[in-house]
């Protein structure tokens, strides 16, 4: 995770930690999870650094939904696509 990405998380009050997330579904790798109760982003400790940074940026989108900064889309598929688009854009901005 870059220092700038770490600072963005801190500004939002989001804790980021790395842990073993195991697998999900049909042995698909689970890269990250967002828990709005903390708020916290947990990243799979086995994820490659660039994938971890993308996952954090993706979960930041969900945090922004949770705090009402951006509108929560009604369909999960659309939310996940929007979170990926946000992550791609943010990662480009941070380069």
PDB file of N, CA and C in Angstrom:
ATOM      1  N   UNK A   1       0.860  -1.178   0.000  1.00  0.00           N
ATOM      2  CA  UNK A   1       0.000   0.000   0.000  1.00  0.00           C
ATOM      3  C   UNK A   1       0.898   1.229   0.000  1.00  0.00           C
ATOM      4  N   UNK A   2       0.586   2.166  -0.882  1.00  0.00           N
ATOM      5  CA  UNK A   2       1.382   3.386  -0.946  1.00  0.00           C
ATOM      6  C   UNK A   2       1.064   4.293   0.237  1.00  0.00           C
ATOM      7  N   UNK A   3       1.968   5.198   0.500  1.00  0.00           N
ATOM      8  CA  UNK A   3       1.757   6.151   1.587  1.00  0.00           C
ATOM      9  C   UNK A   3       0.532   7.021   1.310  1.00  0.00           C
ATOM     10  N   UNK A   4       0.331   7.406   0.068  1.00  0.00           N
ATOM     11  CA  UNK A   4      -0.840   8.227  -0.275  1.00  0.00           C
ATOM     12  C   UNK A   4      -2.137   7.464  -0.044  1.00  0.00           C
ATOM     13  N   UNK A   5      -2.169   6.187  -0.390  1.00  0.00           N
ATOM     14  CA  UNK A   5      -3.364   5.380  -0.162  1.00  0.00           C
ATOM     15  C   UNK A   5      -3.591   5.197   1.339  1.00  0.00           C
ATOM     16  N   UNK A   6      -2.517   4.986   2.075  1.00  0.00           N
ATOM     17  CA  UNK A   6      -2.615   4.869   3.533  1.00  0.00           C
ATOM     18  C   UNK A   6      -3.190   6.158   4.136  1.00  0.00           C
ATOM     19  N   UNK A   7      -2.748   7.310   3.613  1.00  0.00           N
ATOM     20  CA  UNK A   7      -3.235   8.601   4.103  1.00  0.00           C
ATOM     21  C   UNK A   7      -4.723   8.795   3.798  1.00  0.00           C
ATOM     22  N   UNK A   8      -5.159   8.392   2.622  1.00  0.00           N
ATOM     23  CA  UNK A   8      -6.581   8.492   2.267  1.00  0.00           C
ATOM     24  C   UNK A   8      -7.415   7.657   3.228  1.00  0.00           C
ATOM     25  N   UNK A   9      -6.971   6.445   3.495  1.00  0.00           N
ATOM     26  CA  UNK A   9      -7.694   5.582   4.445  1.00  0.00           C
ATOM     27  C   UNK A   9      -7.758   6.253   5.812  1.00  0.00           C
ATOM     28  N   UNK A  10      -6.650   6.797   6.242  1.00  0.00           N
ATOM     29  CA  UNK A  10      -6.593   7.458   7.539  1.00  0.00           C
ATOM     30  C   UNK A  10      -7.541   8.655   7.600  1.00  0.00           C
ATOM     31  N   UNK A  11      -7.578   9.436   6.528  1.00  0.00           N
ATOM     32  CA  UNK A  11      -8.471  10.598   6.479  1.00  0.00           C
ATOM     33  C   UNK A  11      -9.935  10.189   6.581  1.00  0.00           C
ATOM     34  N   UNK A  12     -10.258   9.022   6.056  1.00  0.00           N
ATOM     35  CA  UNK A  12     -11.623   8.499   6.159  1.00  0.00           C
ATOM     36  C   UNK A  12     -11.866   7.769   7.477  1.00  0.00           C
ATOM     37  N   UNK A  13     -10.819   7.600   8.274  1.00  0.00           N
ATOM     38  CA  UNK A  13     -10.962   6.886   9.540  1.00  0.00           C
ATOM     39  C   UNK A  13     -11.092   5.384   9.374  1.00  0.00           C
ATOM     40  N   UNK A  14     -10.575   4.871   8.272  1.00  0.00           N
ATOM     41  CA  UNK A  14     -10.684   3.444   7.968  1.00  0.00           C
ATOM     42  C   UNK A  14      -9.391   2.737   8.371  1.00  0.00           C
ATOM     43  N   UNK A  15      -9.523   1.703   9.157  1.00  0.00           N
ATOM     44  CA  UNK A  15      -8.398   0.860   9.548  1.00  0.00           C
ATOM     45  C   UNK A  15      -8.164  -0.145   8.426  1.00  0.00           C
ATOM     46  N   UNK A  16      -6.903  -0.370   8.088  1.00  0.00           N
ATOM     47  CA  UNK A  16      -6.551  -1.401   7.107  1.00  0.00           C
ATOM     48  C   UNK A  16      -5.657  -2.414   7.816  1.00  0.00           C
ATOM     49  N   UNK A  17      -6.037  -3.671   7.679  1.00  0.00           N
ATOM     50  CA  UNK A  17      -5.192  -4.718   8.239  1.00  0.00           C
ATOM     51  C   UNK A  17      -5.147  -5.889   7.267  1.00  0.00           C
ATOM     52  N   UNK A  18      -4.111  -6.690   7.414  1.00  0.00           N
ATOM     53  CA  UNK A  18      -3.893  -7.845   6.556  1.00  0.00           C
ATOM     54  C   UNK A  18      -4.086  -9.102   7.394  1.00  0.00           C
ATOM     55  N   UNK A  19      -4.824 -10.065   6.829  1.00  0.00           N
ATOM     56  CA  UNK A  19      -5.114 -11.295   7.543  1.00  0.00           C
ATOM     57  C   UNK A  19      -5.376 -12.398   6.522  1.00  0.00           C
ATOM     58  N   UNK A  20      -5.478 -13.620   6.991  1.00  0.00           N
ATOM     59  CA  UNK A  20      -5.796 -14.751   6.127  1.00  0.00           C
ATOM     60  C   UNK A  20      -7.310 -14.786   5.942  1.00  0.00           C
ATOM     61  N   UNK A  21      -7.773 -14.495   4.734  1.00  0.00           N
ATOM     62  CA  UNK A  21      -9.214 -14.499   4.457  1.00  0.00           C
ATOM     63  C   UNK A  21      -9.684 -15.807   3.860  1.00  0.00           C
ATOM     64  N   UNK A  22      -8.767 -16.696   3.549  1.00  0.00           N
ATOM     65  CA  UNK A  22      -9.168 -17.988   3.012  1.00  0.00           C
ATOM     66  C   UNK A  22      -9.774 -17.874   1.626  1.00  0.00           C
ATOM     67  N   UNK A  23     -10.758 -18.736   1.355  1.00  0.00           N
ATOM     68  CA  UNK A  23     -11.410 -18.761   0.045  1.00  0.00           C
ATOM     69  C   UNK A  23     -12.893 -18.502   0.212  1.00  0.00           C
ATOM     70  N   UNK A  24     -13.524 -18.239  -0.897  1.00  0.00           N
ATOM     71  CA  UNK A  24     -14.948 -17.944  -0.891  1.00  0.00           C
ATOM     72  C   UNK A  24     -15.592 -18.683  -2.041  1.00  0.00           C
ATOM     73  N   UNK A  25     -16.762 -19.214  -1.797  1.00  0.00           N
ATOM     74  CA  UNK A  25     -17.475 -19.913  -2.868  1.00  0.00           C
ATOM     75  C   UNK A  25     -16.707 -21.135  -3.348  1.00  0.00           C
ATOM     76  N   UNK A  26     -16.591 -21.257  -4.645  1.00  0.00           N
ATOM     77  CA  UNK A  26     -15.921 -22.405  -5.257  1.00  0.00           C
ATOM     78  C   UNK A  26     -14.411 -22.198  -5.287  1.00  0.00           C
ATOM     79  N   UNK A  27     -13.828 -22.017  -4.106  1.00  0.00           N
ATOM     80  CA  UNK A  27     -12.388 -21.852  -3.936  1.00  0.00           C
ATOM     81  C   UNK A  27     -11.859 -20.591  -4.604  1.00  0.00           C
ATOM     82  N   UNK A  28     -12.702 -19.597  -4.820  1.00  0.00           N
ATOM     83  CA  UNK A  28     -12.244 -18.317  -5.354  1.00  0.00           C
ATOM     84  C   UNK A  28     -11.484 -17.594  -4.251  1.00  0.00           C
ATOM     85  N   UNK A  29     -10.420 -16.899  -4.648  1.00  0.00           N
ATOM     86  CA  UNK A  29      -9.631 -16.167  -3.668  1.00  0.00           C
ATOM     87  C   UNK A  29     -10.393 -14.933  -3.185  1.00  0.00           C
ATOM     88  N   UNK A  30     -10.496 -14.794  -1.899  1.00  0.00           N
ATOM     89  CA  UNK A  30     -11.118 -13.612  -1.311  1.00  0.00           C
ATOM     90  C   UNK A  30      -9.997 -12.622  -1.023  1.00  0.00           C
ATOM     91  N   UNK A  31      -9.999 -11.488  -1.721  1.00  0.00           N
ATOM     92  CA  UNK A  31      -8.905 -10.525  -1.591  1.00  0.00           C
ATOM     93  C   UNK A  31      -9.115  -9.535  -0.465  1.00  0.00           C
ATOM     94  N   UNK A  32     -10.364  -9.139  -0.238  1.00  0.00           N
ATOM     95  CA  UNK A  32     -10.596  -8.110   0.783  1.00  0.00           C
ATOM     96  C   UNK A  32     -12.048  -8.123   1.214  1.00  0.00           C
ATOM     97  N   UNK A  33     -12.261  -7.523   2.364  1.00  0.00           N
ATOM     98  CA  UNK A  33     -13.604  -7.354   2.923  1.00  0.00           C
ATOM     99  C   UNK A  33     -13.656  -5.992   3.600  1.00  0.00           C
ATOM    100  N   UNK A  34     -14.831  -5.348   3.543  1.00  0.00           N
ATOM    101  CA  UNK A  34     -15.049  -4.077   4.224  1.00  0.00           C
ATOM    102  C   UNK A  34     -16.057  -4.304   5.343  1.00  0.00           C
ATOM    103  N   UNK A  35     -15.729  -3.836   6.535  1.00  0.00           N
ATOM    104  CA  UNK A  35     -16.636  -3.925   7.666  1.00  0.00           C
ATOM    105  C   UNK A  35     -16.971  -2.510   8.120  1.00  0.00           C
ATOM    106  N   UNK A  36     -18.187  -2.036   7.814  1.00  0.00           N
ATOM    107  CA  UNK A  36     -18.554  -0.666   8.173  1.00  0.00           C
ATOM    108  C   UNK A  36     -18.682  -0.439   9.668  1.00  0.00           C
ATOM    109  N   UNK A  37     -18.825  -1.497  10.453  1.00  0.00           N
ATOM    110  CA  UNK A  37     -18.993  -1.340  11.900  1.00  0.00           C
ATOM    111  C   UNK A  37     -17.735  -0.794  12.565  1.00  0.00           C
ATOM    112  N   UNK A  38     -16.553  -1.039  11.981  1.00  0.00           N
ATOM    113  CA  UNK A  38     -15.306  -0.616  12.629  1.00  0.00           C
ATOM    114  C   UNK A  38     -14.973   0.852  12.329  1.00  0.00           C
ATOM    115  N   UNK A  39     -14.906   1.387  11.164  1.00  0.00           N
ATOM    116  CA  UNK A  39     -14.803   0.783   9.828  1.00  0.00           C
ATOM    117  C   UNK A  39     -13.398   0.233   9.566  1.00  0.00           C
ATOM    118  N   UNK A  40     -13.391  -0.847   8.771  1.00  0.00           N
ATOM    119  CA  UNK A  40     -12.144  -1.572   8.568  1.00  0.00           C
ATOM    120  C   UNK A  40     -12.149  -2.255   7.207  1.00  0.00           C
ATOM    121  N   UNK A  41     -10.990  -2.248   6.587  1.00  0.00           N
ATOM    122  CA  UNK A  41     -10.753  -3.024   5.375  1.00  0.00           C
ATOM    123  C   UNK A  41      -9.755  -4.109   5.756  1.00  0.00           C
ATOM    124  N   UNK A  42     -10.136  -5.351   5.520  1.00  0.00           N
ATOM    125  CA  UNK A  42      -9.245  -6.475   5.768  1.00  0.00           C
ATOM    126  C   UNK A  42      -8.826  -7.020   4.411  1.00  0.00           C
ATOM    127  N   UNK A  43      -7.519  -7.088   4.199  1.00  0.00           N
ATOM    128  CA  UNK A  43      -6.960  -7.550   2.931  1.00  0.00           C
ATOM    129  C   UNK A  43      -6.301  -8.905   3.161  1.00  0.00           C
ATOM    130  N   UNK A  44      -6.512  -9.800   2.222  1.00  0.00           N
ATOM    131  CA  UNK A  44      -5.883 -11.107   2.305  1.00  0.00           C
ATOM    132  C   UNK A  44      -4.367 -10.929   2.316  1.00  0.00           C
ATOM    133  N   UNK A  45      -3.723 -11.425   3.338  1.00  0.00           N
ATOM    134  CA  UNK A  45      -2.276 -11.237   3.491  1.00  0.00           C
ATOM    135  C   UNK A  45      -1.495 -11.925   2.382  1.00  0.00           C
ATOM    136  N   UNK A  46      -2.135 -12.830   1.643  1.00  0.00           N
ATOM    137  CA  UNK A  46      -1.467 -13.525   0.547  1.00  0.00           C
ATOM    138  C   UNK A  46      -1.558 -12.771  -0.776  1.00  0.00           C
ATOM    139  N   UNK A  47      -2.311 -11.695  -0.805  1.00  0.00           N
ATOM    140  CA  UNK A  47      -2.488 -10.937  -2.044  1.00  0.00           C
ATOM    141  C   UNK A  47      -1.196 -10.224  -2.424  1.00  0.00           C
ATOM    142  N   UNK A  48      -0.895 -10.204  -3.703  1.00  0.00           N
ATOM    143  CA  UNK A  48       0.271  -9.468  -4.202  1.00  0.00           C
ATOM    144  C   UNK A  48       0.085  -7.988  -3.884  1.00  0.00           C
ATOM    145  N   UNK A  49       1.166  -7.255  -3.670  1.00  0.00           N
ATOM    146  CA  UNK A  49       1.053  -5.840  -3.273  1.00  0.00           C
ATOM    147  C   UNK A  49       0.161  -5.002  -4.188  1.00  0.00           C
ATOM    148  N   UNK A  50       0.286  -5.136  -5.506  1.00  0.00           N
ATOM    149  CA  UNK A  50      -0.535  -4.330  -6.411  1.00  0.00           C
ATOM    150  C   UNK A  50      -2.002  -4.730  -6.305  1.00  0.00           C
ATOM    151  N   UNK A  51      -2.271  -6.026  -6.141  1.00  0.00           N
ATOM    152  CA  UNK A  51      -3.655  -6.470  -5.967  1.00  0.00           C
ATOM    153  C   UNK A  51      -4.206  -5.987  -4.634  1.00  0.00           C
ATOM    154  N   UNK A  52      -3.361  -5.960  -3.618  1.00  0.00           N
ATOM    155  CA  UNK A  52      -3.789  -5.470  -2.301  1.00  0.00           C
ATOM    156  C   UNK A  52      -4.163  -3.999  -2.388  1.00  0.00           C
ATOM    157  N   UNK A  53      -3.357  -3.204  -3.070  1.00  0.00           N
ATOM    158  CA  UNK A  53      -3.655  -1.774  -3.212  1.00  0.00           C
ATOM    159  C   UNK A  53      -4.966  -1.571  -3.965  1.00  0.00           C
ATOM    160  N   UNK A  54      -5.178  -2.331  -5.032  1.00  0.00           N
ATOM    161  CA  UNK A  54      -6.434  -2.238  -5.791  1.00  0.00           C
ATOM    162  C   UNK A  54      -7.609  -2.635  -4.895  1.00  0.00           C
ATOM    163  N   UNK A  55      -7.444  -3.687  -4.113  1.00  0.00           N
ATOM    164  CA  UNK A  55      -8.510  -4.142  -3.223  1.00  0.00           C
ATOM    165  C   UNK A  55      -8.861  -3.070  -2.190  1.00  0.00           C
ATOM    166  N   UNK A  56      -7.850  -2.407  -1.652  1.00  0.00           N
ATOM    167  CA  UNK A  56      -8.098  -1.341  -0.683  1.00  0.00           C
ATOM    168  C   UNK A  56      -8.859  -0.202  -1.340  1.00  0.00           C
ATOM    169  N   UNK A  57      -8.439   0.198  -2.534  1.00  0.00           N
ATOM    170  CA  UNK A  57      -9.132   1.267  -3.257  1.00  0.00           C
ATOM    171  C   UNK A  57     -10.573   0.859  -3.560  1.00  0.00           C
ATOM    172  N   UNK A  58     -10.786  -0.404  -3.914  1.00  0.00           N
ATOM    173  CA  UNK A  58     -12.127  -0.940  -4.176  1.00  0.00           C
ATOM    174  C   UNK A  58     -12.985  -0.835  -2.913  1.00  0.00           C
ATOM    175  N   UNK A  59     -12.446  -1.267  -1.787  1.00  0.00           N
ATOM    176  CA  UNK A  59     -13.216  -1.240  -0.536  1.00  0.00           C
ATOM    177  C   UNK A  59     -13.453   0.192  -0.047  1.00  0.00           C
ATOM    178  N   UNK A  60     -12.571   1.120  -0.393  1.00  0.00           N
ATOM    179  CA  UNK A  60     -12.812   2.526  -0.035  1.00  0.00           C
ATOM    180  C   UNK A  60     -14.092   3.047  -0.684  1.00  0.00           C
ATOM    181  N   UNK A  61     -14.372   2.549  -1.881  1.00  0.00           N
ATOM    182  CA  UNK A  61     -15.637   2.918  -2.537  1.00  0.00           C
ATOM    183  C   UNK A  61     -16.810   2.492  -1.658  1.00  0.00           C
ATOM    184  N   UNK A  62     -16.755   1.270  -1.131  1.00  0.00           N
ATOM    185  CA  UNK A  62     -17.846   0.780  -0.280  1.00  0.00           C
ATOM    186  C   UNK A  62     -17.937   1.593   1.014  1.00  0.00           C
ATOM    187  N   UNK A  63     -16.797   2.037   1.514  1.00  0.00           N
ATOM    188  CA  UNK A  63     -16.833   2.905   2.694  1.00  0.00           C
ATOM    189  C   UNK A  63     -17.524   4.227   2.361  1.00  0.00           C
ATOM    190  N   UNK A  64     -17.206   4.774   1.218  1.00  0.00           N
ATOM    191  CA  UNK A  64     -17.837   6.031   0.807  1.00  0.00           C
ATOM    192  C   UNK A  64     -19.343   5.853   0.642  1.00  0.00           C
ATOM    193  N   UNK A  65     -19.784   4.685   0.188  1.00  0.00           N
ATOM    194  CA  UNK A  65     -21.216   4.367   0.157  1.00  0.00           C
ATOM    195  C   UNK A  65     -21.786   4.358   1.568  1.00  0.00           C
ATOM    196  N   UNK A  66     -21.073   3.674   2.455  1.00  0.00           N
ATOM    197  CA  UNK A  66     -21.567   3.491   3.827  1.00  0.00           C
ATOM    198  C   UNK A  66     -21.730   4.805   4.575  1.00  0.00           C
ATOM    199  N   UNK A  67     -20.869   5.778   4.299  1.00  0.00           N
ATOM    200  CA  UNK A  67     -20.958   7.058   5.004  1.00  0.00           C
ATOM    201  C   UNK A  67     -21.835   8.063   4.256  1.00  0.00           C
ATOM    202  N   UNK A  68     -22.425   7.637   3.140  1.00  0.00           N
ATOM    203  CA  UNK A  68     -23.336   8.500   2.400  1.00  0.00           C
ATOM    204  C   UNK A  68     -22.662   9.519   1.497  1.00  0.00           C
ATOM    205  N   UNK A  69     -21.369   9.353   1.270  1.00  0.00           N
ATOM    206  CA  UNK A  69     -20.644  10.291   0.405  1.00  0.00           C
ATOM    207  C   UNK A  69     -21.024  10.099  -1.054  1.00  0.00           C
ATOM    208  N   UNK A  70     -21.307   8.852  -1.401  1.00  0.00           N
ATOM    209  CA  UNK A  70     -21.795   8.549  -2.745  1.00  0.00           C
ATOM    210  C   UNK A  70     -23.029   7.672  -2.612  1.00  0.00           C
ATOM    211  N   UNK A  71     -23.872   7.745  -3.613  1.00  0.00           N
ATOM    212  CA  UNK A  71     -25.125   6.994  -3.584  1.00  0.00           C
ATOM    213  C   UNK A  71     -24.862   5.494  -3.704  1.00  0.00           C
ATOM    214  N   UNK A  72     -25.539   4.727  -2.880  1.00  0.00           N
ATOM    215  CA  UNK A  72     -25.434   3.260  -2.934  1.00  0.00           C
ATOM    216  C   UNK A  72     -26.346   2.755  -4.049  1.00  0.00           C
ATOM    217  N   UNK A  73     -25.762   2.126  -5.042  1.00  0.00           N
ATOM    218  CA  UNK A  73     -26.536   1.600  -6.158  1.00  0.00           C
ATOM    219  C   UNK A  73     -27.377   0.422  -5.693  1.00  0.00           C
ATOM    220  N   UNK A  74     -28.559   0.223  -6.283  1.00  0.00           N
ATOM    221  CA  UNK A  74     -29.476  -0.807  -5.780  1.00  0.00           C
ATOM    222  C   UNK A  74     -29.032  -2.245  -6.030  1.00  0.00           C
ATOM    223  N   UNK A  75     -28.228  -2.480  -7.061  1.00  0.00           N
ATOM    224  CA  UNK A  75     -27.862  -3.851  -7.407  1.00  0.00           C
ATOM    225  C   UNK A  75     -26.385  -4.119  -7.101  1.00  0.00           C
ATOM    226  N   UNK A  76     -26.145  -5.236  -6.453  1.00  0.00           N
ATOM    227  CA  UNK A  76     -24.781  -5.590  -6.036  1.00  0.00           C
ATOM    228  C   UNK A  76     -23.813  -5.596  -7.214  1.00  0.00           C
ATOM    229  N   UNK A  77     -24.218  -6.168  -8.321  1.00  0.00           N
ATOM    230  CA  UNK A  77     -23.353  -6.243  -9.503  1.00  0.00           C
ATOM    231  C   UNK A  77     -22.911  -4.841  -9.925  1.00  0.00           C
ATOM    232  N   UNK A  78     -23.836  -3.889  -9.916  1.00  0.00           N
ATOM    233  CA  UNK A  78     -23.513  -2.511 -10.290  1.00  0.00           C
ATOM    234  C   UNK A  78     -22.588  -1.859  -9.256  1.00  0.00           C
ATOM    235  N   UNK A  79     -22.814  -2.161  -7.972  1.00  0.00           N
ATOM    236  CA  UNK A  79     -21.952  -1.615  -6.916  1.00  0.00           C
ATOM    237  C   UNK A  79     -20.526  -2.133  -7.066  1.00  0.00           C
ATOM    238  N   UNK A  80     -20.394  -3.428  -7.343  1.00  0.00           N
ATOM    239  CA  UNK A  80     -19.060  -4.012  -7.487  1.00  0.00           C
ATOM    240  C   UNK A  80     -18.347  -3.450  -8.713  1.00  0.00           C
ATOM    241  N   UNK A  81     -19.070  -3.264  -9.796  1.00  0.00           N
ATOM    242  CA  UNK A  81     -18.477  -2.680 -11.000  1.00  0.00           C
ATOM    243  C   UNK A  81     -18.034  -1.246 -10.718  1.00  0.00           C
ATOM    244  N   UNK A  82     -18.872  -0.484 -10.028  1.00  0.00           N
ATOM    245  CA  UNK A  82     -18.529   0.896  -9.688  1.00  0.00           C
ATOM    246  C   UNK A  82     -17.322   0.946  -8.757  1.00  0.00           C
ATOM    247  N   UNK A  83     -17.253   0.004  -7.822  1.00  0.00           N
ATOM    248  CA  UNK A  83     -16.105  -0.048  -6.904  1.00  0.00           C
ATOM    249  C   UNK A  83     -14.822  -0.371  -7.666  1.00  0.00           C
ATOM    250  N   UNK A  84     -14.899  -1.274  -8.637  1.00  0.00           N
ATOM    251  CA  UNK A  84     -13.720  -1.583  -9.454  1.00  0.00           C
ATOM    252  C   UNK A  84     -13.302  -0.389 -10.295  1.00  0.00           C
ATOM    253  N   UNK A  85     -14.283   0.300 -10.880  1.00  0.00           N
ATOM    254  CA  UNK A  85     -13.969   1.498 -11.665  1.00  0.00           C
ATOM    255  C   UNK A  85     -13.306   2.558 -10.783  1.00  0.00           C
ATOM    256  N   UNK A  86     -13.824   2.725  -9.577  1.00  0.00           N
ATOM    257  CA  UNK A  86     -13.247   3.676  -8.630  1.00  0.00           C
ATOM    258  C   UNK A  86     -11.808   3.282  -8.293  1.00  0.00           C
ATOM    259  N   UNK A  87     -11.573   2.005  -8.059  1.00  0.00           N
ATOM    260  CA  UNK A  87     -10.238   1.528  -7.722  1.00  0.00           C
ATOM    261  C   UNK A  87      -9.253   1.784  -8.855  1.00  0.00           C
ATOM    262  N   UNK A  88      -9.669   1.503 -10.079  1.00  0.00           N
ATOM    263  CA  UNK A  88      -8.793   1.736 -11.241  1.00  0.00           C
ATOM    264  C   UNK A  88      -8.445   3.209 -11.348  1.00  0.00           C
ATOM    265  N   UNK A  89      -9.440   4.062 -11.206  1.00  0.00           N
ATOM    266  CA  UNK A  89      -9.216   5.509 -11.299  1.00  0.00           C
ATOM    267  C   UNK A  89      -8.298   5.997 -10.172  1.00  0.00           C
ATOM    268  N   UNK A  90      -8.554   5.564  -8.969  1.00  0.00           N
ATOM    269  CA  UNK A  90      -7.750   5.996  -7.828  1.00  0.00           C
ATOM    270  C   UNK A  90      -6.310   5.516  -7.959  1.00  0.00           C
ATOM    271  N   UNK A  91      -6.128   4.270  -8.392  1.00  0.00           N
ATOM    272  CA  UNK A  91      -4.764   3.751  -8.550  1.00  0.00           C
ATOM    273  C   UNK A  91      -4.003   4.532  -9.610  1.00  0.00           C
ATOM    274  N   UNK A  92      -4.672   4.943 -10.680  1.00  0.00           N
ATOM    275  CA  UNK A  92      -4.021   5.778 -11.699  1.00  0.00           C
ATOM    276  C   UNK A  92      -3.616   7.130 -11.126  1.00  0.00           C
ATOM    277  N   UNK A  93      -4.501   7.707 -10.337  1.00  0.00           N
ATOM    278  CA  UNK A  93      -4.217   9.007  -9.719  1.00  0.00           C
ATOM    279  C   UNK A  93      -3.051   8.936  -8.742  1.00  0.00           C
ATOM    280  N   UNK A  94      -2.860   7.791  -8.112  1.00  0.00           N
ATOM    281  CA  UNK A  94      -1.819   7.636  -7.106  1.00  0.00           C
ATOM    282  C   UNK A  94      -0.456   7.290  -7.703  1.00  0.00           C
ATOM    283  N   UNK A  95      -0.413   7.001  -8.995  1.00  0.00           N
ATOM    284  CA  UNK A  95       0.870   6.651  -9.637  1.00  0.00           C
ATOM    285  C   UNK A  95       1.715   7.874  -9.887  1.00  0.00           C
TER     286      UNK A  95
END
